[in-house]
Amino acid sequence: MIRVILSGRTGNNFFQYAAGRSLAIQRQTQLILDGAWMDNTHATQYEHLRRLPIAAAYERRLSASKRGLRKAFQLGPKHLHQGTYYRELQPDYDPSFSQLPETTILDGYFQSPRYFAEIEPQLRQELNLQAIQIPDKSRIFEDGLHSRTFVSIHLRRGDYLTLPNTQCLTPGYHEAAINYFRERWNSLCFCIFSDDIPWCRKQFDGPEFLFCDLPGSATDPLHDMRLMSSCHHHIIANSSYSWWGAWLNPTYEKVVIAPTMWMKEMSSVTVLPESWIRI
C-alpha cells in the first residue's frame, strides 16, 4: 500500500496524487490519500479530488487511539503508520523514488512531471476535469473559449503577497509572454484567471482581454482549472494550480509559457516539462 500524506491546496494535491499513483501502479498495490494531517485552512481541499475518476481510497481521520498518541506525544505520520517513510527533502526530482517499496508513506509535494511521466495517458483520464459539473453559465463561457484562439493567463496574488518563500510575478513577465504570442499569432484573445480579478482589470486593458469572473471561480477550485485547460495556449504563474490547468489541456500543439524562477531561489527546471517555454 502506498500512502500519500496530503498537504497544501488543489494543485499540490494533484501532484501528490500523480506521484503516489505512479508508484502504486509500479508496485501493483493500493493507493491511500491521507487527509488527516492537513491543517484547518486546507482540511477540505482533498475532497475535490474525489469528484474526479481517480483510483485511490481516502482516509480523513486517524483512529481514536492514534489521535490520542498524536496529541500526547506530538507524533507524525512516520510514527503512526506502518511502512517506509519517505520525506521529500529537496524540491528536485529524486531518481531513487522509483525504488521505494510497496509499503511507503509519501510526504512532500513532488512537483515534477518526471514522477509520473510513465503513466501520463492514464493520469489524464483519471484527472479528467470534464467529469465535474459546472453551472450552465460557465459552460457557455467555456464554449466561447473554444470558439476562438484563447491564451489563458493566470495571476496568483492573495497568499503570494505574504508567503515568505514565494513571490508574485512582475508585470514584465506577463508583458513578455503576451508579446511572444502577439508576434506569432493573429487575432488572439487572452482570458485572465486570478484570485484578484478587480486588480487584474486595472492592469490589462483592451478588447482582446476576457476576465473569468464567474460565481464558480470563488467557490470551486476545479472550476477555473477546467476553464484554463479549455484554452488553446497558456501563460502560467509560478503556481501548481495553473501548472495543472495547462498540463491537462490535451492539445498537442499547445504553447505554454512559464516563469524561469518557480519560488524564491528555486529554478523551474525540475517543475516544468521540457517543451514549455521559460521567461
Protein backbone atom coordinates (compact mmCIF):
# COMPACT_ATOMS: atom_id res chain seq x y z
CA MET A 1 0.00 0.00 0.00
CA ILE A 2 1.22 3.48 -0.91
CA ARG A 3 0.04 6.21 1.45
CA VAL A 4 0.22 9.86 0.40
CA ILE A 5 0.13 12.48 3.15
CA LEU A 6 -1.91 15.29 1.60
CA SER A 7 -0.94 18.89 2.24
CA GLY A 8 -1.40 22.26 0.60
CA ARG A 9 -4.09 23.22 -1.88
CA THR A 10 -5.63 21.75 -5.02
CA GLY A 11 -2.61 21.95 -7.34
CA ASN A 12 -0.36 20.43 -4.66
CA ASN A 13 -2.86 17.59 -4.16
CA PHE A 14 -2.82 16.85 -7.90
CA PHE A 15 0.98 16.46 -7.82
CA GLN A 16 0.78 14.29 -4.70
CA TYR A 17 -1.85 12.05 -6.26
CA ALA A 18 0.09 11.76 -9.53
CA ALA A 19 3.33 10.71 -7.82
CA GLY A 20 1.56 8.31 -5.48
CA ARG A 21 -0.49 6.79 -8.28
CA SER A 22 2.61 6.22 -10.39
CA LEU A 23 4.39 4.40 -7.57
CA ALA A 24 1.27 2.39 -6.71
CA ILE A 25 0.99 1.21 -10.33
CA GLN A 26 4.68 0.25 -10.41
CA ARG A 27 4.27 -1.76 -7.20
CA GLN A 28 0.82 -3.10 -8.16
CA THR A 29 -0.67 -2.00 -4.89
CA GLN A 30 -3.39 0.23 -3.47
CA LEU A 31 -3.11 3.99 -3.07
CA ILE A 32 -4.36 5.77 0.05
CA LEU A 33 -4.84 9.55 0.13
CA ASP A 34 -4.47 10.61 3.75
CA GLY A 35 -6.08 13.95 4.59
CA ALA A 36 -5.80 13.56 8.35
CA TRP A 37 -2.68 15.73 8.52
CA MET A 38 -3.99 18.78 6.68
CA ASP A 39 -4.31 21.99 8.65
CA ASN A 40 -7.69 23.66 9.18
CA THR A 41 -7.15 26.05 6.27
CA HIS A 42 -6.80 23.20 3.77
CA ALA A 43 -8.83 20.50 5.52
CA THR A 44 -11.44 20.15 2.76
CA GLN A 45 -9.16 20.59 -0.26
CA TYR A 46 -8.69 16.88 -0.86
CA GLU A 47 -12.45 16.46 -1.24
CA HIS A 48 -12.21 17.99 -4.69
CA LEU A 49 -10.06 15.11 -5.90
CA ARG A 50 -12.92 12.78 -5.02
CA ARG A 51 -15.06 14.38 -7.72
CA LEU A 52 -12.69 13.04 -10.37
CA PRO A 53 -12.46 9.42 -11.61
CA ILE A 54 -9.25 8.73 -9.69
CA ALA A 55 -8.08 5.38 -8.33
CA ALA A 56 -7.46 5.84 -4.61
CA ALA A 57 -9.03 5.23 -1.23
CA TYR A 58 -9.41 8.03 1.31
CA GLU A 59 -8.72 8.49 4.97
CA ARG A 60 -9.86 11.70 6.59
CA ARG A 61 -9.39 10.97 10.28
CA LEU A 62 -6.99 8.97 12.40
CA SER A 63 -8.41 6.33 14.69
CA ALA A 64 -9.22 7.43 18.24
CA SER A 65 -6.13 5.69 19.61
CA LYS A 66 -3.83 7.29 17.04
CA ARG A 67 -5.35 10.70 17.66
CA GLY A 68 -4.58 10.24 21.32
CA LEU A 69 -0.97 9.27 20.64
CA ARG A 70 -0.54 12.13 18.20
CA LYS A 71 -1.77 14.66 20.71
CA ALA A 72 0.06 13.24 23.70
CA PHE A 73 3.46 12.77 22.08
CA GLN A 74 3.32 15.14 19.08
CA LEU A 75 3.79 12.20 16.73
CA GLY A 76 3.73 12.46 12.93
CA PRO A 77 2.77 10.03 10.16
CA LYS A 78 6.21 8.41 10.31
CA HIS A 79 5.37 7.04 13.76
CA LEU A 80 1.66 6.28 13.38
CA HIS A 81 1.62 4.36 10.09
CA GLN A 82 3.44 1.22 9.05
CA GLY A 83 5.77 1.33 6.09
CA THR A 84 8.86 3.09 4.78
CA TYR A 85 8.56 6.80 5.46
CA TYR A 86 9.80 8.93 2.55
CA ARG A 87 10.03 12.66 3.19
CA GLU A 88 10.82 14.94 0.25
CA LEU A 89 13.77 17.00 1.44
CA GLN A 90 14.64 18.94 -1.72
CA PRO A 91 12.30 20.37 -4.39
CA ASP A 92 14.04 18.36 -7.11
CA TYR A 93 13.23 15.08 -8.79
CA ASP A 94 14.74 12.16 -6.88
CA PRO A 95 15.62 9.17 -9.12
CA SER A 96 15.55 6.87 -6.09
CA PHE A 97 11.79 7.47 -5.83
CA SER A 98 11.09 4.62 -8.25
CA GLN A 99 12.93 2.20 -5.96
CA LEU A 100 10.67 2.75 -2.97
CA PRO A 101 8.92 -0.38 -1.67
CA GLU A 102 5.24 -1.24 -1.94
CA THR A 103 4.58 -0.13 1.65
CA THR A 104 5.66 3.51 1.52
CA ILE A 105 4.41 6.70 3.17
CA LEU A 106 4.99 9.66 0.84
CA ASP A 107 5.27 13.08 2.46
CA GLY A 108 6.02 16.04 0.18
CA TYR A 109 4.86 17.95 -2.89
CA PHE A 110 6.64 16.04 -5.71
CA GLN A 111 6.36 18.89 -8.20
CA SER A 112 7.98 17.30 -11.22
CA PRO A 113 6.36 15.58 -14.20
CA ARG A 114 9.18 13.05 -14.10
CA TYR A 115 7.49 11.35 -11.15
CA PHE A 116 4.55 10.33 -13.32
CA ALA A 117 5.78 10.51 -16.92
CA GLU A 118 5.26 6.78 -17.46
CA ILE A 119 1.55 6.93 -16.66
CA GLU A 120 0.68 10.22 -18.40
CA PRO A 121 -2.14 8.86 -20.65
CA GLN A 122 -3.79 7.05 -17.74
CA LEU A 123 -3.35 10.04 -15.45
CA ARG A 124 -5.09 12.33 -17.94
CA GLN A 125 -8.11 10.05 -17.81
CA GLU A 126 -8.17 9.92 -14.03
CA LEU A 127 -7.77 13.71 -13.65
CA ASN A 128 -10.36 14.42 -16.34
CA LEU A 129 -11.85 17.81 -15.43
CA GLN A 130 -14.69 17.27 -17.88
CA ALA A 131 -16.07 14.79 -15.33
CA ILE A 132 -17.04 17.56 -12.91
CA GLN A 133 -20.27 19.53 -13.03
CA ILE A 134 -20.12 23.26 -13.69
CA PRO A 135 -23.02 25.76 -13.90
CA ASP A 136 -24.73 26.43 -17.22
CA LYS A 137 -23.31 29.96 -17.32
CA SER A 138 -19.82 28.51 -17.00
CA ARG A 139 -20.48 26.03 -19.82
CA ILE A 140 -21.48 28.90 -22.08
CA PHE A 141 -18.28 30.71 -21.10
CA GLU A 142 -16.30 27.54 -21.91
CA ASP A 143 -17.96 27.25 -25.32
CA GLY A 144 -16.76 30.79 -26.01
CA LEU A 145 -13.19 29.76 -25.20
CA HIS A 146 -13.46 27.05 -27.85
CA SER A 147 -14.79 29.43 -30.47
CA ARG A 148 -11.57 31.45 -30.87
CA THR A 149 -7.87 31.05 -30.13
CA PHE A 150 -7.58 31.87 -26.45
CA VAL A 151 -4.48 32.08 -24.29
CA SER A 152 -5.09 31.62 -20.57
CA ILE A 153 -3.21 33.96 -18.22
CA HIS A 154 -3.11 33.04 -14.55
CA LEU A 155 -2.17 35.62 -11.93
CA ARG A 156 -1.98 34.48 -8.34
CA ARG A 157 -1.92 37.16 -5.69
CA GLY A 158 -3.70 36.54 -2.37
CA ASP A 159 -1.37 34.47 -0.19
CA TYR A 160 1.57 35.14 -2.55
CA LEU A 161 1.65 38.71 -1.25
CA THR A 162 2.63 37.47 2.21
CA LEU A 163 4.20 33.99 1.95
CA PRO A 164 7.96 34.21 2.60
CA ASN A 165 9.07 31.52 0.13
CA THR A 166 7.31 32.79 -2.99
CA GLN A 167 6.52 35.97 -4.85
CA CYS A 168 4.08 37.49 -7.31
CA LEU A 169 5.41 37.69 -10.84
CA THR A 170 6.41 41.08 -12.17
CA PRO A 171 4.44 42.88 -14.90
CA GLY A 172 7.46 42.39 -17.14
CA TYR A 173 6.89 38.63 -17.17
CA HIS A 174 3.32 38.95 -18.42
CA GLU A 175 4.22 41.63 -20.93
CA ALA A 176 6.98 39.48 -22.43
CA ALA A 177 4.74 36.40 -22.54
CA ILE A 178 1.86 38.28 -24.17
CA ASN A 179 4.22 39.77 -26.76
CA TYR A 180 5.55 36.30 -27.55
CA PHE A 181 2.07 35.26 -28.65
CA ARG A 182 1.23 38.53 -30.38
CA GLU A 183 4.34 38.22 -32.54
CA ARG A 184 3.38 34.74 -33.73
CA TRP A 185 -0.41 34.67 -33.97
CA ASN A 186 -3.07 36.99 -35.32
CA SER A 187 -6.49 37.57 -33.73
CA LEU A 188 -5.54 36.15 -30.35
CA CYS A 189 -7.62 36.62 -27.23
CA PHE A 190 -6.40 36.35 -23.65
CA CYS A 191 -8.51 35.01 -20.78
CA ILE A 192 -7.45 36.20 -17.33
CA PHE A 193 -7.82 33.87 -14.34
CA SER A 194 -6.97 35.19 -10.89
CA ASP A 195 -7.87 35.36 -7.22
CA ASP A 196 -7.89 39.15 -7.66
CA ILE A 197 -9.85 39.97 -10.81
CA PRO A 198 -10.54 43.62 -9.80
CA TRP A 199 -6.79 44.24 -9.65
CA CYS A 200 -6.29 42.49 -12.99
CA ARG A 201 -8.90 44.66 -14.70
CA LYS A 202 -6.72 47.66 -13.89
CA GLN A 203 -3.61 46.02 -15.35
CA PHE A 204 -4.96 44.57 -18.60
CA ASP A 205 -6.92 46.86 -20.87
CA GLY A 206 -8.20 46.21 -24.36
CA PRO A 207 -10.82 44.23 -26.30
CA GLU A 208 -8.54 41.18 -26.53
CA PHE A 209 -8.75 40.55 -22.78
CA LEU A 210 -11.54 38.49 -21.23
CA PHE A 211 -11.84 38.06 -17.46
CA CYS A 212 -13.09 34.89 -15.82
CA ASP A 213 -15.20 36.29 -13.02
CA LEU A 214 -17.92 33.67 -12.63
CA PRO A 215 -19.60 32.54 -9.39
CA GLY A 216 -17.89 29.16 -9.61
CA SER A 217 -14.47 30.83 -9.65
CA ALA A 218 -14.76 31.75 -5.99
CA THR A 219 -16.42 28.58 -4.70
CA ASP A 220 -14.99 25.66 -6.68
CA PRO A 221 -11.20 25.13 -7.04
CA LEU A 222 -11.72 22.87 -10.06
CA HIS A 223 -13.88 25.40 -11.90
CA ASP A 224 -11.18 27.75 -13.17
CA MET A 225 -8.72 24.91 -13.68
CA ARG A 226 -11.18 23.28 -16.09
CA LEU A 227 -11.74 26.54 -17.97
CA MET A 228 -7.97 27.14 -18.18
CA SER A 229 -7.49 23.70 -19.69
CA SER A 230 -10.09 24.60 -22.33
CA CYS A 231 -7.91 27.41 -23.70
CA HIS A 232 -5.60 26.76 -26.65
CA HIS A 233 -2.38 28.11 -25.09
CA HIS A 234 -1.24 29.19 -21.65
CA ILE A 235 0.76 31.76 -19.68
CA ILE A 236 1.02 30.23 -16.24
CA ALA A 237 2.02 31.66 -12.88
CA ASN A 238 4.57 30.13 -10.52
CA SER A 239 1.67 28.10 -9.20
CA SER A 240 0.86 24.40 -9.25
CA TYR A 241 -2.75 25.40 -9.91
CA SER A 242 -2.14 26.90 -13.36
CA TRP A 243 0.54 24.25 -13.99
CA TRP A 244 -2.23 21.66 -13.97
CA GLY A 245 -4.59 23.90 -15.92
CA ALA A 246 -2.01 23.92 -18.72
CA TRP A 247 -0.90 20.29 -18.41
CA LEU A 248 -4.47 18.99 -18.58
CA ASN A 249 -5.03 20.74 -21.90
CA PRO A 250 -4.84 17.69 -24.20
CA THR A 251 -3.93 19.72 -27.31
CA TYR A 252 -0.58 18.56 -28.70
CA GLU A 253 0.08 21.92 -30.41
CA LYS A 254 -0.37 23.99 -27.25
CA VAL A 255 2.27 26.53 -26.27
CA VAL A 256 2.88 27.05 -22.56
CA ILE A 257 4.95 29.92 -21.18
CA ALA A 258 6.16 29.69 -17.59
CA PRO A 259 8.44 31.71 -15.31
CA THR A 260 12.12 30.83 -15.11
CA MET A 261 12.05 31.04 -11.30
CA TRP A 262 9.38 28.99 -9.57
CA MET A 263 9.83 30.05 -5.97
CA LYS A 264 12.40 32.29 -4.31
CA GLU A 265 15.82 30.84 -5.05
CA MET A 266 14.21 27.85 -6.81
CA SER A 267 14.51 27.35 -10.56
CA SER A 268 11.59 25.96 -12.53
CA VAL A 269 13.82 23.47 -14.39
CA THR A 270 12.60 20.45 -12.44
CA VAL A 271 8.98 21.58 -12.29
CA LEU A 272 8.30 22.23 -15.98
CA PRO A 273 8.00 19.82 -18.91
CA GLU A 274 10.85 20.28 -21.38
CA SER A 275 8.57 21.59 -24.12
CA TRP A 276 7.33 24.55 -22.07
CA ILE A 277 8.92 27.94 -22.72
CA ARG A 278 10.65 29.71 -19.83
CA ILE A 279 10.74 33.51 -19.49
